[in-house]
């Protein structure tokens, strides 16, 4: 089973940017859709972005459209989330996820990372 490790989180001011990375070990995830979730304190985990197996198709939560970009480099076995124009409401633990399917509308997660904290100050 693939092991997913997130990095790149931290504390930034509102309007700033961060790039999260998700690196896999153990096996490739080149044939799996990938995604990012987030969970704020006291709230449910929500899907932020998804990307199909090849990187051609993406899907985003409405509140992050135009600000966040998901991408992948299958040769490096890595998925990224570029976050621009960050807002305090983006504060959450961000989790990388591997889906069982291949498309950007996949819904069944087969592997989770352990999360990286993103804090946006006003």
C-alpha atoms as a PDB file:
ATOM      1  CA  UNK A   1       0.000   0.000   0.000  1.00  0.00           C
ATOM      2  CA  UNK A   2       1.278   3.457  -0.895  1.00  0.00           C
ATOM      3  CA  UNK A   3       2.540   5.716   1.897  1.00  0.00           C
ATOM      4  CA  UNK A   4       1.673   9.410   1.468  1.00  0.00           C
ATOM      5  CA  UNK A   5       3.625  12.165   3.204  1.00  0.00           C
ATOM      6  CA  UNK A   6       2.533  15.815   3.024  1.00  0.00           C
ATOM      7  CA  UNK A   7       4.820  18.797   3.423  1.00  0.00           C
ATOM      8  CA  UNK A   8       4.785  22.552   2.861  1.00  0.00           C
ATOM      9  CA  UNK A   9       2.302  23.668   5.476  1.00  0.00           C
ATOM     10  CA  UNK A  10       2.925  26.557   7.809  1.00  0.00           C
ATOM     11  CA  UNK A  11       1.815  29.966   9.024  1.00  0.00           C
ATOM     12  CA  UNK A  12       1.155  32.688   6.456  1.00  0.00           C
ATOM     13  CA  UNK A  13      -0.590  36.045   6.367  1.00  0.00           C
ATOM     14  CA  UNK A  14      -3.874  36.519   4.550  1.00  0.00           C
ATOM     15  CA  UNK A  15      -3.211  37.063   0.862  1.00  0.00           C
ATOM     16  CA  UNK A  16      -0.082  34.952   0.929  1.00  0.00           C
ATOM     17  CA  UNK A  17       0.738  31.693  -0.810  1.00  0.00           C
ATOM     18  CA  UNK A  18       1.845  28.182   0.048  1.00  0.00           C
ATOM     19  CA  UNK A  19       2.602  25.104  -2.013  1.00  0.00           C
ATOM     20  CA  UNK A  20       1.823  21.751  -0.472  1.00  0.00           C
ATOM     21  CA  UNK A  21       3.523  18.598  -1.677  1.00  0.00           C
ATOM     22  CA  UNK A  22       2.468  14.978  -1.324  1.00  0.00           C
ATOM     23  CA  UNK A  23       5.188  12.412  -1.919  1.00  0.00           C
ATOM     24  CA  UNK A  24       4.485   8.709  -2.219  1.00  0.00           C
ATOM     25  CA  UNK A  25       6.675   5.790  -1.287  1.00  0.00           C
ATOM     26  CA  UNK A  26       6.226   2.047  -1.538  1.00  0.00           C
ATOM     27  CA  UNK A  27       4.610   2.095  -4.966  1.00  0.00           C
ATOM     28  CA  UNK A  28       3.593   4.475  -7.727  1.00  0.00           C
ATOM     29  CA  UNK A  29       0.185   6.172  -7.741  1.00  0.00           C
ATOM     30  CA  UNK A  30       0.434   6.964 -11.453  1.00  0.00           C
ATOM     31  CA  UNK A  31      -2.822   5.161 -12.286  1.00  0.00           C
ATOM     32  CA  UNK A  32      -4.870   6.662  -9.449  1.00  0.00           C
ATOM     33  CA  UNK A  33      -6.816   9.872  -9.152  1.00  0.00           C
ATOM     34  CA  UNK A  34      -5.349  12.019  -6.373  1.00  0.00           C
ATOM     35  CA  UNK A  35      -6.744  14.766  -4.210  1.00  0.00           C
ATOM     36  CA  UNK A  36      -6.478  17.106  -1.275  1.00  0.00           C
ATOM     37  CA  UNK A  37      -8.877  17.348   1.655  1.00  0.00           C
ATOM     38  CA  UNK A  38      -8.926  19.733   4.581  1.00  0.00           C
ATOM     39  CA  UNK A  39     -10.415  19.703   8.050  1.00  0.00           C
ATOM     40  CA  UNK A  40     -10.781  22.748  10.274  1.00  0.00           C
ATOM     41  CA  UNK A  41     -11.286  22.425  14.054  1.00  0.00           C
ATOM     42  CA  UNK A  42     -14.826  21.344  14.854  1.00  0.00           C
ATOM     43  CA  UNK A  43     -15.747  20.896  11.196  1.00  0.00           C
ATOM     44  CA  UNK A  44     -16.140  17.988   8.811  1.00  0.00           C
ATOM     45  CA  UNK A  45     -13.401  16.979   6.424  1.00  0.00           C
ATOM     46  CA  UNK A  46     -14.071  18.347   2.942  1.00  0.00           C
ATOM     47  CA  UNK A  47     -12.661  17.660  -0.488  1.00  0.00           C
ATOM     48  CA  UNK A  48     -10.648  20.616  -1.792  1.00  0.00           C
ATOM     49  CA  UNK A  49      -9.340  19.408  -5.141  1.00  0.00           C
ATOM     50  CA  UNK A  50      -9.035  16.280  -7.255  1.00  0.00           C
ATOM     51  CA  UNK A  51      -6.990  15.392 -10.307  1.00  0.00           C
ATOM     52  CA  UNK A  52      -7.319  12.473 -12.690  1.00  0.00           C
ATOM     53  CA  UNK A  53      -4.624   9.873 -13.163  1.00  0.00           C
ATOM     54  CA  UNK A  54      -2.834  11.674 -16.011  1.00  0.00           C
ATOM     55  CA  UNK A  55      -3.223  15.253 -14.740  1.00  0.00           C
ATOM     56  CA  UNK A  56      -5.463  16.378 -17.596  1.00  0.00           C
ATOM     57  CA  UNK A  57      -8.698  16.850 -15.635  1.00  0.00           C
ATOM     58  CA  UNK A  58      -9.224  18.625 -12.303  1.00  0.00           C
ATOM     59  CA  UNK A  59     -12.094  19.319  -9.921  1.00  0.00           C
ATOM     60  CA  UNK A  60     -12.244  21.989  -7.184  1.00  0.00           C
ATOM     61  CA  UNK A  61     -14.302  23.025  -4.214  1.00  0.00           C
ATOM     62  CA  UNK A  62     -16.193  26.173  -5.244  1.00  0.00           C
ATOM     63  CA  UNK A  63     -14.656  28.308  -2.499  1.00  0.00           C
ATOM     64  CA  UNK A  64     -11.100  27.681  -3.738  1.00  0.00           C
ATOM     65  CA  UNK A  65     -11.660  27.980  -7.491  1.00  0.00           C
ATOM     66  CA  UNK A  66      -9.334  30.534  -9.019  1.00  0.00           C
ATOM     67  CA  UNK A  67      -7.058  30.482  -5.961  1.00  0.00           C
ATOM     68  CA  UNK A  68      -5.869  26.872  -5.652  1.00  0.00           C
ATOM     69  CA  UNK A  69      -4.297  24.669  -8.310  1.00  0.00           C
ATOM     70  CA  UNK A  70      -3.746  20.929  -8.042  1.00  0.00           C
ATOM     71  CA  UNK A  71      -1.095  19.323 -10.223  1.00  0.00           C
ATOM     72  CA  UNK A  72       0.884  16.120 -10.380  1.00  0.00           C
ATOM     73  CA  UNK A  73       4.208  14.829 -11.628  1.00  0.00           C
ATOM     74  CA  UNK A  74       3.846  11.102 -12.071  1.00  0.00           C
ATOM     75  CA  UNK A  75       7.528  10.689 -12.924  1.00  0.00           C
ATOM     76  CA  UNK A  76       8.325  12.035  -9.438  1.00  0.00           C
ATOM     77  CA  UNK A  77       5.377  10.285  -7.767  1.00  0.00           C
ATOM     78  CA  UNK A  78       4.328  13.637  -6.316  1.00  0.00           C
ATOM     79  CA  UNK A  79       1.125  15.712  -6.142  1.00  0.00           C
ATOM     80  CA  UNK A  80       1.025  19.439  -5.408  1.00  0.00           C
ATOM     81  CA  UNK A  81      -1.490  21.983  -4.196  1.00  0.00           C
ATOM     82  CA  UNK A  82      -0.580  25.574  -5.008  1.00  0.00           C
ATOM     83  CA  UNK A  83      -2.585  27.886  -2.741  1.00  0.00           C
ATOM     84  CA  UNK A  84      -2.706  31.595  -3.565  1.00  0.00           C
ATOM     85  CA  UNK A  85      -4.661  34.500  -2.075  1.00  0.00           C
ATOM     86  CA  UNK A  86      -5.051  32.587   1.161  1.00  0.00           C
ATOM     87  CA  UNK A  87      -7.837  33.549   3.550  1.00  0.00           C
ATOM     88  CA  UNK A  88      -8.231  32.890   7.283  1.00  0.00           C
ATOM     89  CA  UNK A  89     -11.055  30.462   6.482  1.00  0.00           C
ATOM     90  CA  UNK A  90      -8.521  28.298   4.623  1.00  0.00           C
ATOM     91  CA  UNK A  91      -6.948  27.436   7.979  1.00  0.00           C
ATOM     92  CA  UNK A  92      -7.108  23.662   8.403  1.00  0.00           C
ATOM     93  CA  UNK A  93      -5.144  20.456   8.387  1.00  0.00           C
ATOM     94  CA  UNK A  94      -4.668  19.477   4.756  1.00  0.00           C
ATOM     95  CA  UNK A  95      -4.591  15.805   3.798  1.00  0.00           C
ATOM     96  CA  UNK A  96      -3.369  14.140   0.634  1.00  0.00           C
ATOM     97  CA  UNK A  97      -5.501  11.277  -0.669  1.00  0.00           C
ATOM     98  CA  UNK A  98      -5.185   8.527  -3.242  1.00  0.00           C
ATOM     99  CA  UNK A  99      -8.454   7.379  -4.803  1.00  0.00           C
ATOM    100  CA  UNK A 100      -9.408   3.897  -5.929  1.00  0.00           C
ATOM    101  CA  UNK A 101     -10.555   5.292  -9.287  1.00  0.00           C
ATOM    102  CA  UNK A 102      -8.800   7.107 -12.108  1.00  0.00           C
ATOM    103  CA  UNK A 103     -11.103  10.062 -12.869  1.00  0.00           C
ATOM    104  CA  UNK A 104     -11.290  13.512 -11.314  1.00  0.00           C
ATOM    105  CA  UNK A 105     -14.809  12.769 -10.044  1.00  0.00           C
ATOM    106  CA  UNK A 106     -13.652   9.753  -8.020  1.00  0.00           C
ATOM    107  CA  UNK A 107     -15.123   9.451  -4.535  1.00  0.00           C
ATOM    108  CA  UNK A 108     -13.610   6.386  -2.837  1.00  0.00           C
ATOM    109  CA  UNK A 109     -10.324   7.055  -1.049  1.00  0.00           C
ATOM    110  CA  UNK A 110      -7.927   4.141  -0.671  1.00  0.00           C
ATOM    111  CA  UNK A 111      -4.978   5.874   1.047  1.00  0.00           C
ATOM    112  CA  UNK A 112      -4.555   8.931   3.284  1.00  0.00           C
ATOM    113  CA  UNK A 113      -1.612  11.035   4.308  1.00  0.00           C
ATOM    114  CA  UNK A 114      -1.328  12.143   7.933  1.00  0.00           C
ATOM    115  CA  UNK A 115      -1.844  15.822   7.199  1.00  0.00           C
ATOM    116  CA  UNK A 116      -0.013  19.124   7.293  1.00  0.00           C
ATOM    117  CA  UNK A 117      -1.199  22.221   9.163  1.00  0.00           C
ATOM    118  CA  UNK A 118      -1.981  25.402   7.241  1.00  0.00           C
ATOM    119  CA  UNK A 119      -2.685  28.494   9.320  1.00  0.00           C
ATOM    120  CA  UNK A 120      -3.652  31.813   7.723  1.00  0.00           C
ATOM    121  CA  UNK A 121      -3.548  34.882   9.948  1.00  0.00           C
ATOM    122  CA  UNK A 122      -5.533  38.064   9.376  1.00  0.00           C
END
